[in-house]
Amino acid sequence: MKLPTVKIATEDGYAIINEADYDPKKHKPFEQKTTPKKKQK
């Protein structure tokens, strides 16, 4: 059995909480900014 989770933004990065505990009035979704990885030669 899998428990649905959500990443929320924190001062230090992000935290993972239960989806049932997520409250959009209290929490801000974590948005990861990705950069393309350079190919190794």
PDB file of N, CA and C in Angstrom:
ATOM      1  N   MET A   1       0.840  -1.177   0.000  1.00  0.00           N
ATOM      2  CA  MET A   1       0.000   0.000   0.000  1.00  0.00           C
ATOM      3  C   MET A   1       0.891   1.248   0.000  1.00  0.00           C
ATOM      4  N   LYS A   2       0.586   2.174  -0.884  1.00  0.00           N
ATOM      5  CA  LYS A   2       1.341   3.424  -0.958  1.00  0.00           C
ATOM      6  C   LYS A   2       0.520   4.550  -0.357  1.00  0.00           C
ATOM      7  N   LEU A   3       1.193   5.428   0.348  1.00  0.00           N
ATOM      8  CA  LEU A   3       0.555   6.583   0.947  1.00  0.00           C
ATOM      9  C   LEU A   3       0.848   7.795   0.061  1.00  0.00           C
ATOM     10  N   PRO A   4      -0.182   8.468  -0.469  1.00  0.00           N
ATOM     11  CA  PRO A   4       0.056   9.646  -1.311  1.00  0.00           C
ATOM     12  C   PRO A   4       0.718  10.767  -0.497  1.00  0.00           C
ATOM     13  N   THR A   5       1.762  11.351  -1.057  1.00  0.00           N
ATOM     14  CA  THR A   5       2.493  12.428  -0.389  1.00  0.00           C
ATOM     15  C   THR A   5       2.607  13.643  -1.300  1.00  0.00           C
ATOM     16  N   VAL A   6       2.992  14.768  -0.681  1.00  0.00           N
ATOM     17  CA  VAL A   6       3.154  16.032  -1.392  1.00  0.00           C
ATOM     18  C   VAL A   6       4.431  16.701  -0.879  1.00  0.00           C
ATOM     19  N   LYS A   7       5.189  17.309  -1.776  1.00  0.00           N
ATOM     20  CA  LYS A   7       6.352  18.103  -1.379  1.00  0.00           C
ATOM     21  C   LYS A   7       5.885  19.537  -1.176  1.00  0.00           C
ATOM     22  N   ILE A   8       6.217  20.106   0.006  1.00  0.00           N
ATOM     23  CA  ILE A   8       5.878  21.503   0.272  1.00  0.00           C
ATOM     24  C   ILE A   8       7.165  22.290   0.501  1.00  0.00           C
ATOM     25  N   ALA A   9       7.130  23.560   0.166  1.00  0.00           N
ATOM     26  CA  ALA A   9       8.301  24.423   0.324  1.00  0.00           C
ATOM     27  C   ALA A   9       8.513  24.753   1.791  1.00  0.00           C
ATOM     28  N   THR A  10       9.786  24.746   2.207  1.00  0.00           N
ATOM     29  CA  THR A  10      10.184  25.173   3.549  1.00  0.00           C
ATOM     30  C   THR A  10      11.341  26.141   3.413  1.00  0.00           C
ATOM     31  N   GLU A  11      11.767  26.720   4.529  1.00  0.00           N
ATOM     32  CA  GLU A  11      12.897  27.656   4.489  1.00  0.00           C
ATOM     33  C   GLU A  11      14.182  26.960   4.044  1.00  0.00           C
ATOM     34  N   ASP A  12      14.296  25.665   4.366  1.00  0.00           N
ATOM     35  CA  ASP A  12      15.516  24.917   4.060  1.00  0.00           C
ATOM     36  C   ASP A  12      15.438  24.120   2.760  1.00  0.00           C
ATOM     37  N   GLY A  13      14.325  24.191   2.055  1.00  0.00           N
ATOM     38  CA  GLY A  13      14.165  23.416   0.832  1.00  0.00           C
ATOM     39  C   GLY A  13      12.749  22.901   0.714  1.00  0.00           C
ATOM     40  N   TYR A  14      12.549  21.619   1.099  1.00  0.00           N
ATOM     41  CA  TYR A  14      11.204  21.065   1.033  1.00  0.00           C
ATOM     42  C   TYR A  14      10.992  20.033   2.133  1.00  0.00           C
ATOM     43  N   ALA A  15       9.747  19.726   2.366  1.00  0.00           N
ATOM     44  CA  ALA A  15       9.352  18.664   3.291  1.00  0.00           C
ATOM     45  C   ALA A  15       8.300  17.823   2.585  1.00  0.00           C
ATOM     46  N   ILE A  16       8.228  16.561   2.961  1.00  0.00           N
ATOM     47  CA  ILE A  16       7.233  15.652   2.401  1.00  0.00           C
ATOM     48  C   ILE A  16       6.179  15.392   3.468  1.00  0.00           C
ATOM     49  N   ILE A  17       4.922  15.659   3.106  1.00  0.00           N
ATOM     50  CA  ILE A  17       3.821  15.434   4.040  1.00  0.00           C
ATOM     51  C   ILE A  17       2.758  14.557   3.376  1.00  0.00           C
ATOM     52  N   ASN A  18       1.874  14.001   4.184  1.00  0.00           N
ATOM     53  CA  ASN A  18       0.758  13.227   3.650  1.00  0.00           C
ATOM     54  C   ASN A  18      -0.138  14.138   2.829  1.00  0.00           C
ATOM     55  N   GLU A  19      -0.614  13.628   1.715  1.00  0.00           N
ATOM     56  CA  GLU A  19      -1.494  14.414   0.858  1.00  0.00           C
ATOM     57  C   GLU A  19      -2.754  14.856   1.616  1.00  0.00           C
ATOM     58  N   ALA A  20      -3.239  14.013   2.525  1.00  0.00           N
ATOM     59  CA  ALA A  20      -4.441  14.332   3.302  1.00  0.00           C
ATOM     60  C   ALA A  20      -4.205  15.510   4.254  1.00  0.00           C
ATOM     61  N   ASP A  21      -2.940  15.754   4.636  1.00  0.00           N
ATOM     62  CA  ASP A  21      -2.611  16.856   5.541  1.00  0.00           C
ATOM     63  C   ASP A  21      -2.336  18.163   4.808  1.00  0.00           C
ATOM     64  N   TYR A  22      -2.257  18.115   3.491  1.00  0.00           N
ATOM     65  CA  TYR A  22      -1.959  19.310   2.706  1.00  0.00           C
ATOM     66  C   TYR A  22      -3.122  20.287   2.756  1.00  0.00           C
ATOM     67  N   ASP A  23      -2.809  21.537   3.110  1.00  0.00           N
ATOM     68  CA  ASP A  23      -3.805  22.604   3.161  1.00  0.00           C
ATOM     69  C   ASP A  23      -3.251  23.783   2.357  1.00  0.00           C
ATOM     70  N   PRO A  24      -3.856  24.112   1.214  1.00  0.00           N
ATOM     71  CA  PRO A  24      -3.312  25.189   0.376  1.00  0.00           C
ATOM     72  C   PRO A  24      -3.288  26.548   1.072  1.00  0.00           C
ATOM     73  N   LYS A  25      -4.062  26.700   2.137  1.00  0.00           N
ATOM     74  CA  LYS A  25      -4.043  27.955   2.894  1.00  0.00           C
ATOM     75  C   LYS A  25      -2.801  28.040   3.776  1.00  0.00           C
ATOM     76  N   LYS A  26      -2.234  26.879   4.146  1.00  0.00           N
ATOM     77  CA  LYS A  26      -1.065  26.830   5.032  1.00  0.00           C
ATOM     78  C   LYS A  26       0.224  26.504   4.288  1.00  0.00           C
ATOM     79  N   HIS A  27       0.136  25.708   3.237  1.00  0.00           N
ATOM     80  CA  HIS A  27       1.320  25.179   2.565  1.00  0.00           C
ATOM     81  C   HIS A  27       1.475  25.729   1.149  1.00  0.00           C
ATOM     82  N   LYS A  28       2.734  25.835   0.744  1.00  0.00           N
ATOM     83  CA  LYS A  28       3.058  26.237  -0.621  1.00  0.00           C
ATOM     84  C   LYS A  28       3.717  25.045  -1.312  1.00  0.00           C
ATOM     85  N   PRO A  29       3.202  24.634  -2.470  1.00  0.00           N
ATOM     86  CA  PRO A  29       3.812  23.498  -3.166  1.00  0.00           C
ATOM     87  C   PRO A  29       5.272  23.779  -3.515  1.00  0.00           C
ATOM     88  N   PHE A  30       6.102  22.753  -3.427  1.00  0.00           N
ATOM     89  CA  PHE A  30       7.515  22.872  -3.769  1.00  0.00           C
ATOM     90  C   PHE A  30       7.663  22.728  -5.272  1.00  0.00           C
ATOM     91  N   GLU A  31       8.334  23.691  -5.887  1.00  0.00           N
ATOM     92  CA  GLU A  31       8.591  23.659  -7.325  1.00  0.00           C
ATOM     93  C   GLU A  31      10.096  23.601  -7.530  1.00  0.00           C
ATOM     94  N   GLN A  32      10.569  22.446  -7.961  1.00  0.00           N
ATOM     95  CA  GLN A  32      11.997  22.263  -8.168  1.00  0.00           C
ATOM     96  C   GLN A  32      12.418  22.909  -9.470  1.00  0.00           C
ATOM     97  N   LYS A  33      13.446  23.710  -9.395  1.00  0.00           N
ATOM     98  CA  LYS A  33      14.006  24.330 -10.593  1.00  0.00           C
ATOM     99  C   LYS A  33      15.142  23.436 -11.065  1.00  0.00           C
ATOM    100  N   THR A  34      14.961  22.862 -12.220  1.00  0.00           N
ATOM    101  CA  THR A  34      15.973  21.938 -12.735  1.00  0.00           C
ATOM    102  C   THR A  34      16.782  22.615 -13.834  1.00  0.00           C
ATOM    103  N   THR A  35      17.999  22.178 -13.951  1.00  0.00           N
ATOM    104  CA  THR A  35      18.866  22.642 -15.029  1.00  0.00           C
ATOM    105  C   THR A  35      19.342  21.410 -15.774  1.00  0.00           C
ATOM    106  N   PRO A  36      19.514  21.541 -17.063  1.00  0.00           N
ATOM    107  CA  PRO A  36      19.983  20.373 -17.820  1.00  0.00           C
ATOM    108  C   PRO A  36      21.370  19.937 -17.364  1.00  0.00           C
ATOM    109  N   LYS A  37      21.563  18.637 -17.255  1.00  0.00           N
ATOM    110  CA  LYS A  37      22.880  18.120 -16.874  1.00  0.00           C
ATOM    111  C   LYS A  37      23.789  18.120 -18.092  1.00  0.00           C
ATOM    112  N   LYS A  38      25.060  18.453 -17.854  1.00  0.00           N
ATOM    113  CA  LYS A  38      26.022  18.445 -18.949  1.00  0.00           C
ATOM    114  C   LYS A  38      26.427  17.002 -19.233  1.00  0.00           C
ATOM    115  N   LYS A  39      26.567  16.693 -20.505  1.00  0.00           N
ATOM    116  CA  LYS A  39      26.994  15.358 -20.893  1.00  0.00           C
ATOM    117  C   LYS A  39      28.478  15.199 -20.622  1.00  0.00           C
ATOM    118  N   GLN A  40      28.826  14.053 -20.057  1.00  0.00           N
ATOM    119  CA  GLN A  40      30.246  13.756 -19.813  1.00  0.00           C
ATOM    120  C   GLN A  40      30.852  13.183 -21.069  1.00  0.00           C
ATOM    121  N   LYS A  41      32.115  13.541 -21.308  1.00  0.00           N
ATOM    122  CA  LYS A  41      32.808  13.048 -22.515  1.00  0.00           C
ATOM    123  C   LYS A  41      33.522  11.764 -22.220  1.00  0.00           C
TER     124      LYS A  41
END
